[in-house]
Amino acid sequence: MSNSTYTPELAATFCAAIADGGSLRAVCAKPGMPSKATVFRWLAEHPEFQTMYEKATDDRADAMIDEIVDIADNCRVDADSIRKAKLRIHARVEQAQRMKPRKYGNRMQLTGEGGGAIHHKVQQMTDDELDAAIAQATAAASHDGNVQG
């Protein structure tokens, strides 16, 4: 039976289970824990719980990333076990990317100085100046081994 009476102690116990990597569904299924409906009601009615829950879900992403190493290290060396481990790892990476995209996301975001917008400067060049700049950049890149040809 789900506990529906909000107490700071129960809220802290619930959030600790979430932060430890538990899903909302799994934690709510544990004896003495609130139902999902109760959790959603608590989120609406108790700002301090909302803050704790947001921190717990943020911490859960870190717990999932930590778990990835354990999954890889403890995987048996047979094809079925490796496929299962890859699936488990992929699911945790995907979930962590959704929960903490700034930390675990795979998108690269470019920003300018101080994290602001990128400002572009347009410099007027003659054709000869442009050709010289291209030649200089090409020479530098070929010296560094960056030009493929």
C-alpha atoms as a PDB file:
ATOM      1  CA  MET A   1       0.000   0.000   0.000  1.00  0.00           C
ATOM      2  CA  SER A   2       1.282   3.443  -0.908  1.00  0.00           C
ATOM      3  CA  ASN A   3       1.917   6.049   1.724  1.00  0.00           C
ATOM      4  CA  SER A   4       0.170   9.283   0.754  1.00  0.00           C
ATOM      5  CA  THR A   5       0.915  11.502   3.763  1.00  0.00           C
ATOM      6  CA  TYR A   6       3.700  13.951   3.057  1.00  0.00           C
ATOM      7  CA  THR A   7       6.469  14.101   5.607  1.00  0.00           C
ATOM      8  CA  PRO A   8       9.925  15.596   5.094  1.00  0.00           C
ATOM      9  CA  GLU A   9      11.453  12.253   6.140  1.00  0.00           C
ATOM     10  CA  LEU A  10       9.476  10.229   3.579  1.00  0.00           C
ATOM     11  CA  ALA A  11      10.181  12.824   0.895  1.00  0.00           C
ATOM     12  CA  ALA A  12      13.920  12.614   1.650  1.00  0.00           C
ATOM     13  CA  THR A  13      13.866   8.792   1.600  1.00  0.00           C
ATOM     14  CA  PHE A  14      11.985   8.814  -1.695  1.00  0.00           C
ATOM     15  CA  CYS A  15      14.376  11.328  -3.286  1.00  0.00           C
ATOM     16  CA  ALA A  16      17.417   9.381  -2.055  1.00  0.00           C
ATOM     17  CA  ALA A  17      16.093   6.286  -3.857  1.00  0.00           C
ATOM     18  CA  ILE A  18      15.619   8.328  -7.049  1.00  0.00           C
ATOM     19  CA  ALA A  19      19.106   9.862  -6.753  1.00  0.00           C
ATOM     20  CA  ASP A  20      20.567   6.364  -6.334  1.00  0.00           C
ATOM     21  CA  GLY A  21      19.392   5.512  -9.846  1.00  0.00           C
ATOM     22  CA  GLY A  22      15.852   4.282  -9.248  1.00  0.00           C
ATOM     23  CA  SER A  23      13.143   5.078 -11.747  1.00  0.00           C
ATOM     24  CA  LEU A  24       9.946   6.736 -10.601  1.00  0.00           C
ATOM     25  CA  ARG A  25       8.030   3.527 -11.332  1.00  0.00           C
ATOM     26  CA  ALA A  26      10.488   1.289  -9.455  1.00  0.00           C
ATOM     27  CA  VAL A  27      10.741   3.521  -6.383  1.00  0.00           C
ATOM     28  CA  CYS A  28       6.965   3.964  -6.160  1.00  0.00           C
ATOM     29  CA  ALA A  29       6.548   0.165  -6.268  1.00  0.00           C
ATOM     30  CA  LYS A  30       8.630  -0.271  -3.091  1.00  0.00           C
ATOM     31  CA  PRO A  31       6.763  -0.859   0.188  1.00  0.00           C
ATOM     32  CA  GLY A  32       6.085   2.322   2.125  1.00  0.00           C
ATOM     33  CA  MET A  33       6.718   4.606  -0.836  1.00  0.00           C
ATOM     34  CA  PRO A  34       4.113   6.946  -2.306  1.00  0.00           C
ATOM     35  CA  SER A  35       2.289   6.141  -5.540  1.00  0.00           C
ATOM     36  CA  LYS A  36       3.113   8.015  -8.735  1.00  0.00           C
ATOM     37  CA  ALA A  37      -0.095  10.025  -8.375  1.00  0.00           C
ATOM     38  CA  THR A  38       0.925  11.007  -4.853  1.00  0.00           C
ATOM     39  CA  VAL A  39       4.391  12.051  -6.046  1.00  0.00           C
ATOM     40  CA  PHE A  40       2.832  14.280  -8.699  1.00  0.00           C
ATOM     41  CA  ARG A  41       0.509  15.780  -6.086  1.00  0.00           C
ATOM     42  CA  TRP A  42       3.463  16.400  -3.762  1.00  0.00           C
ATOM     43  CA  LEU A  43       5.311  18.119  -6.605  1.00  0.00           C
ATOM     44  CA  ALA A  44       2.367  20.486  -7.078  1.00  0.00           C
ATOM     45  CA  GLU A  45       1.747  21.098  -3.359  1.00  0.00           C
ATOM     46  CA  HIS A  46       5.220  21.150  -1.788  1.00  0.00           C
ATOM     47  CA  PRO A  47       7.842  23.475  -3.351  1.00  0.00           C
ATOM     48  CA  GLU A  48      10.557  22.018  -1.086  1.00  0.00           C
ATOM     49  CA  PHE A  49       9.768  18.536  -2.436  1.00  0.00           C
ATOM     50  CA  GLN A  50       9.894  19.822  -6.002  1.00  0.00           C
ATOM     51  CA  THR A  51      13.388  21.196  -5.334  1.00  0.00           C
ATOM     52  CA  MET A  52      14.545  17.922  -3.715  1.00  0.00           C
ATOM     53  CA  TYR A  53      13.045  15.848  -6.537  1.00  0.00           C
ATOM     54  CA  GLU A  54      14.714  17.951  -9.249  1.00  0.00           C
ATOM     55  CA  LYS A  55      18.083  17.534  -7.500  1.00  0.00           C
ATOM     56  CA  ALA A  56      17.459  13.795  -7.107  1.00  0.00           C
ATOM     57  CA  THR A  57      16.664  13.314 -10.796  1.00  0.00           C
ATOM     58  CA  ASP A  58      19.768  15.323 -11.655  1.00  0.00           C
ATOM     59  CA  ASP A  59      21.845  13.047  -9.397  1.00  0.00           C
ATOM     60  CA  ARG A  60      20.188   9.980 -10.948  1.00  0.00           C
ATOM     61  CA  ALA A  61      21.793  10.821 -14.303  1.00  0.00           C
ATOM     62  CA  ASP A  62      25.218  10.773 -12.638  1.00  0.00           C
ATOM     63  CA  ALA A  63      24.391   7.442 -10.966  1.00  0.00           C
ATOM     64  CA  MET A  64      23.466   5.963 -14.350  1.00  0.00           C
ATOM     65  CA  ILE A  65      26.748   7.073 -15.869  1.00  0.00           C
ATOM     66  CA  ASP A  66      28.637   5.527 -12.929  1.00  0.00           C
ATOM     67  CA  GLU A  67      26.730   2.286 -13.423  1.00  0.00           C
ATOM     68  CA  ILE A  68      27.964   2.015 -17.021  1.00  0.00           C
ATOM     69  CA  VAL A  69      31.493   1.139 -15.911  1.00  0.00           C
ATOM     70  CA  ASP A  70      30.159  -1.597 -13.618  1.00  0.00           C
ATOM     71  CA  ILE A  71      28.087  -3.062 -16.443  1.00  0.00           C
ATOM     72  CA  ALA A  72      31.096  -3.146 -18.763  1.00  0.00           C
ATOM     73  CA  ASP A  73      33.495  -4.493 -16.126  1.00  0.00           C
ATOM     74  CA  ASN A  74      31.148  -7.263 -14.984  1.00  0.00           C
ATOM     75  CA  CYS A  75      30.007  -8.443 -18.404  1.00  0.00           C
ATOM     76  CA  ARG A  76      30.705 -12.068 -19.238  1.00  0.00           C
ATOM     77  CA  VAL A  77      32.713 -12.610 -22.392  1.00  0.00           C
ATOM     78  CA  ASP A  78      30.126 -14.254 -24.621  1.00  0.00           C
ATOM     79  CA  ALA A  79      28.152 -12.799 -27.494  1.00  0.00           C
ATOM     80  CA  ASP A  80      24.752 -12.737 -25.734  1.00  0.00           C
ATOM     81  CA  SER A  81      26.134 -11.128 -22.576  1.00  0.00           C
ATOM     82  CA  ILE A  82      28.011  -8.520 -24.586  1.00  0.00           C
ATOM     83  CA  ARG A  83      24.891  -7.644 -26.610  1.00  0.00           C
ATOM     84  CA  LYS A  84      22.861  -7.321 -23.412  1.00  0.00           C
ATOM     85  CA  ALA A  85      25.557  -5.151 -21.785  1.00  0.00           C
ATOM     86  CA  LYS A  86      25.689  -2.896 -24.854  1.00  0.00           C
ATOM     87  CA  LEU A  87      21.907  -2.474 -24.727  1.00  0.00           C
ATOM     88  CA  ARG A  88      21.987  -1.672 -21.005  1.00  0.00           C
ATOM     89  CA  ILE A  89      24.813   0.822 -21.508  1.00  0.00           C
ATOM     90  CA  HIS A  90      23.077   2.459 -24.472  1.00  0.00           C
ATOM     91  CA  ALA A  91      19.827   2.840 -22.495  1.00  0.00           C
ATOM     92  CA  ARG A  92      21.646   4.534 -19.618  1.00  0.00           C
ATOM     93  CA  VAL A  93      23.581   6.868 -21.892  1.00  0.00           C
ATOM     94  CA  GLU A  94      20.386   7.865 -23.724  1.00  0.00           C
ATOM     95  CA  GLN A  95      18.560   8.474 -20.434  1.00  0.00           C
ATOM     96  CA  ALA A  96      21.443  10.488 -18.953  1.00  0.00           C
ATOM     97  CA  GLN A  97      21.619  12.605 -22.107  1.00  0.00           C
ATOM     98  CA  ARG A  98      17.923  13.411 -21.778  1.00  0.00           C
ATOM     99  CA  MET A  99      18.138  14.133 -18.049  1.00  0.00           C
ATOM    100  CA  LYS A 100      21.339  16.206 -18.177  1.00  0.00           C
ATOM    101  CA  PRO A 101      21.853  17.318 -21.769  1.00  0.00           C
ATOM    102  CA  ARG A 102      24.353  20.047 -20.863  1.00  0.00           C
ATOM    103  CA  LYS A 103      26.631  17.517 -19.173  1.00  0.00           C
ATOM    104  CA  TYR A 104      26.015  14.280 -21.085  1.00  0.00           C
ATOM    105  CA  GLY A 105      24.457  15.457 -24.350  1.00  0.00           C
ATOM    106  CA  ASN A 106      26.193  14.724 -27.605  1.00  0.00           C
ATOM    107  CA  ARG A 107      25.417  18.076 -29.201  1.00  0.00           C
ATOM    108  CA  MET A 108      28.191  20.586 -29.509  1.00  0.00           C
ATOM    109  CA  GLN A 109      27.146  24.134 -28.743  1.00  0.00           C
ATOM    110  CA  LEU A 110      29.336  26.972 -29.888  1.00  0.00           C
ATOM    111  CA  THR A 111      29.372  30.168 -27.912  1.00  0.00           C
ATOM    112  CA  GLY A 112      31.276  33.369 -28.134  1.00  0.00           C
ATOM    113  CA  GLU A 113      33.343  35.172 -25.547  1.00  0.00           C
ATOM    114  CA  GLY A 114      31.928  34.812 -22.041  1.00  0.00           C
ATOM    115  CA  GLY A 115      29.413  32.196 -23.192  1.00  0.00           C
ATOM    116  CA  GLY A 116      27.425  34.703 -25.226  1.00  0.00           C
ATOM    117  CA  ALA A 117      26.565  34.857 -28.895  1.00  0.00           C
ATOM    118  CA  ILE A 118      29.196  34.464 -31.573  1.00  0.00           C
ATOM    119  CA  HIS A 119      29.942  37.749 -33.313  1.00  0.00           C
ATOM    120  CA  HIS A 120      31.300  37.633 -36.850  1.00  0.00           C
ATOM    121  CA  LYS A 121      33.607  40.264 -38.236  1.00  0.00           C
ATOM    122  CA  VAL A 122      33.599  40.852 -41.954  1.00  0.00           C
ATOM    123  CA  GLN A 123      36.876  42.098 -43.297  1.00  0.00           C
ATOM    124  CA  GLN A 124      37.093  43.672 -46.695  1.00  0.00           C
ATOM    125  CA  MET A 125      39.868  42.104 -48.781  1.00  0.00           C
ATOM    126  CA  THR A 126      40.985  42.466 -52.333  1.00  0.00           C
ATOM    127  CA  ASP A 127      41.254  39.363 -54.489  1.00  0.00           C
ATOM    128  CA  ASP A 128      45.052  39.441 -54.129  1.00  0.00           C
ATOM    129  CA  GLU A 129      44.806  39.699 -50.315  1.00  0.00           C
ATOM    130  CA  LEU A 130      42.344  36.807 -50.240  1.00  0.00           C
ATOM    131  CA  ASP A 131      44.578  34.644 -52.446  1.00  0.00           C
ATOM    132  CA  ALA A 132      47.545  35.402 -50.167  1.00  0.00           C
ATOM    133  CA  ALA A 133      45.549  34.500 -47.030  1.00  0.00           C
ATOM    134  CA  ILE A 134      44.408  31.211 -48.614  1.00  0.00           C
ATOM    135  CA  ALA A 135      47.960  30.364 -49.660  1.00  0.00           C
ATOM    136  CA  GLN A 136      49.230  31.123 -46.141  1.00  0.00           C
ATOM    137  CA  ALA A 137      46.533  28.970 -44.514  1.00  0.00           C
ATOM    138  CA  THR A 138      47.165  26.122 -46.975  1.00  0.00           C
ATOM    139  CA  ALA A 139      50.900  26.224 -46.334  1.00  0.00           C
ATOM    140  CA  ALA A 140      50.388  26.204 -42.562  1.00  0.00           C
ATOM    141  CA  ALA A 141      47.919  23.303 -42.773  1.00  0.00           C
ATOM    142  CA  SER A 142      50.191  21.223 -45.009  1.00  0.00           C
ATOM    143  CA  HIS A 143      53.095  21.900 -42.641  1.00  0.00           C
ATOM    144  CA  ASP A 144      50.957  20.594 -39.735  1.00  0.00           C
ATOM    145  CA  GLY A 145      49.919  17.543 -41.759  1.00  0.00           C
ATOM    146  CA  ASN A 146      46.270  18.578 -41.851  1.00  0.00           C
ATOM    147  CA  VAL A 147      45.813  18.756 -45.592  1.00  0.00           C
ATOM    148  CA  GLN A 148      44.737  15.563 -47.296  1.00  0.00           C
ATOM    149  CA  GLY A 149      45.268  15.208 -50.925  1.00  0.00           C
END
